[in-house]
Protein backbone atom coordinates (compact mmCIF):
# COMPACT_ATOMS: atom_id res chain seq x y z
CA UNK A 1 113.01 95.18 103.55
CA UNK A 2 111.09 96.26 100.47
CA UNK A 3 112.42 98.25 97.52
CA UNK A 4 110.63 101.35 98.78
CA UNK A 5 112.12 100.99 102.26
CA UNK A 6 115.60 100.59 100.80
CA UNK A 7 115.15 103.63 98.57
CA UNK A 8 113.88 105.66 101.54
CA UNK A 9 116.88 104.63 103.67
CA UNK A 10 119.38 105.51 100.94
CA UNK A 11 117.60 108.78 100.19
CA UNK A 12 117.81 109.77 103.85
CA UNK A 13 121.40 108.60 104.37
CA UNK A 14 122.96 110.35 101.37
CA UNK A 15 120.47 113.19 100.94
CA UNK A 16 119.49 112.58 97.31
CA UNK A 17 116.12 113.03 95.63
CA UNK A 18 114.01 109.88 95.43
CA UNK A 19 114.05 109.91 91.62
CA UNK A 20 117.86 109.89 91.60
CA UNK A 21 118.04 107.04 94.11
CA UNK A 22 115.54 105.03 92.01
CA UNK A 23 117.64 105.66 88.92
CA UNK A 24 120.80 104.51 90.75
CA UNK A 25 119.00 101.37 91.97
CA UNK A 26 117.86 100.60 88.41
CA UNK A 27 121.40 101.02 87.07
CA UNK A 28 122.74 98.84 89.91
CA UNK A 29 120.26 95.99 89.35
CA UNK A 30 120.58 96.19 85.55
CA UNK A 31 124.36 95.94 85.84
CA UNK A 32 124.18 92.93 88.16
CA UNK A 33 121.62 91.23 85.89
CA UNK A 34 123.77 91.86 82.84
CA UNK A 35 126.88 90.43 84.51
CA UNK A 36 125.01 87.34 85.72
CA UNK A 37 123.48 86.92 82.27
CA UNK A 38 127.07 86.74 80.96
CA UNK A 39 127.68 84.07 83.65
CA UNK A 40 130.13 86.33 85.50
CA UNK A 41 130.58 86.17 89.26
CA UNK A 42 129.33 89.23 91.16
CA UNK A 43 130.96 89.71 94.54
CA UNK A 44 130.18 92.25 97.26
CA UNK A 45 132.70 92.65 100.09
CA UNK A 46 131.22 91.76 103.49
CA UNK A 47 127.96 90.59 101.85
CA UNK A 48 128.62 87.65 99.55
CA UNK A 49 128.85 86.37 96.01
CA UNK A 50 126.22 85.79 93.33
CA UNK A 51 126.96 83.34 90.54
CA UNK A 52 125.18 81.35 87.83
CA UNK A 53 125.07 77.57 87.93
CA UNK A 54 123.70 75.17 85.33
CA UNK A 55 121.14 72.67 86.61
CA UNK A 56 121.05 69.55 84.46
CA UNK A 57 117.84 68.22 82.96
CA UNK A 58 115.77 65.96 85.17
CA UNK A 59 112.61 63.95 85.13
CA UNK A 60 109.75 65.27 87.23
CA UNK A 61 106.97 62.96 88.39
CA UNK A 62 103.49 64.18 89.30
CA UNK A 63 102.11 61.82 91.95
CA UNK A 64 98.48 62.80 91.32
CA UNK A 65 98.40 62.37 87.54
CA UNK A 66 101.26 59.83 87.45
CA UNK A 67 102.78 61.71 84.49
CA UNK A 68 106.52 62.02 84.02
CA UNK A 69 107.80 65.25 82.50
CA UNK A 70 111.27 66.14 81.29
CA UNK A 71 112.48 69.39 82.86
CA UNK A 72 115.09 70.95 80.54
CA UNK A 73 118.46 72.17 81.80
CA UNK A 74 118.47 75.72 83.07
CA UNK A 75 120.72 78.38 84.51
CA UNK A 76 119.96 79.46 88.08
CA UNK A 77 121.38 82.25 90.23
CA UNK A 78 123.05 81.09 93.43
CA UNK A 79 124.26 83.11 96.41
CA UNK A 80 126.99 82.41 98.93
CA UNK A 81 127.13 84.74 101.92
CA UNK A 82 130.49 86.02 103.12
CA UNK A 83 132.09 84.84 106.36
CA UNK A 84 131.83 88.39 107.74
CA UNK A 85 128.07 88.47 107.08
CA UNK A 86 127.68 85.04 108.69
CA UNK A 87 129.48 86.29 111.79
CA UNK A 88 127.39 89.49 111.96
CA UNK A 89 124.14 87.51 111.65
CA UNK A 90 125.24 84.98 114.29
CA UNK A 91 126.11 87.77 116.74
CA UNK A 92 122.55 89.12 116.59
CA UNK A 93 120.85 85.80 117.28
């Protein structure tokens, strides 16, 4: 599903103008980004949990050039789906 499809579905379901739905989506994503940037856990009932995890530095090796490069540590966003979502997905397959 694309952003536009999601906006269209929400607009139809709750009968709001597209501009208002886009504004709500922006506020929603900005809020989630801000919370994850603060390394908070963001949890959605029946969907799952987003969290930030630190990946330690590592050495990367390019097989073609045979050059080793140090990849610095970084923060990455991880997602763990809820048990309810897992069950709903498994029922459809």
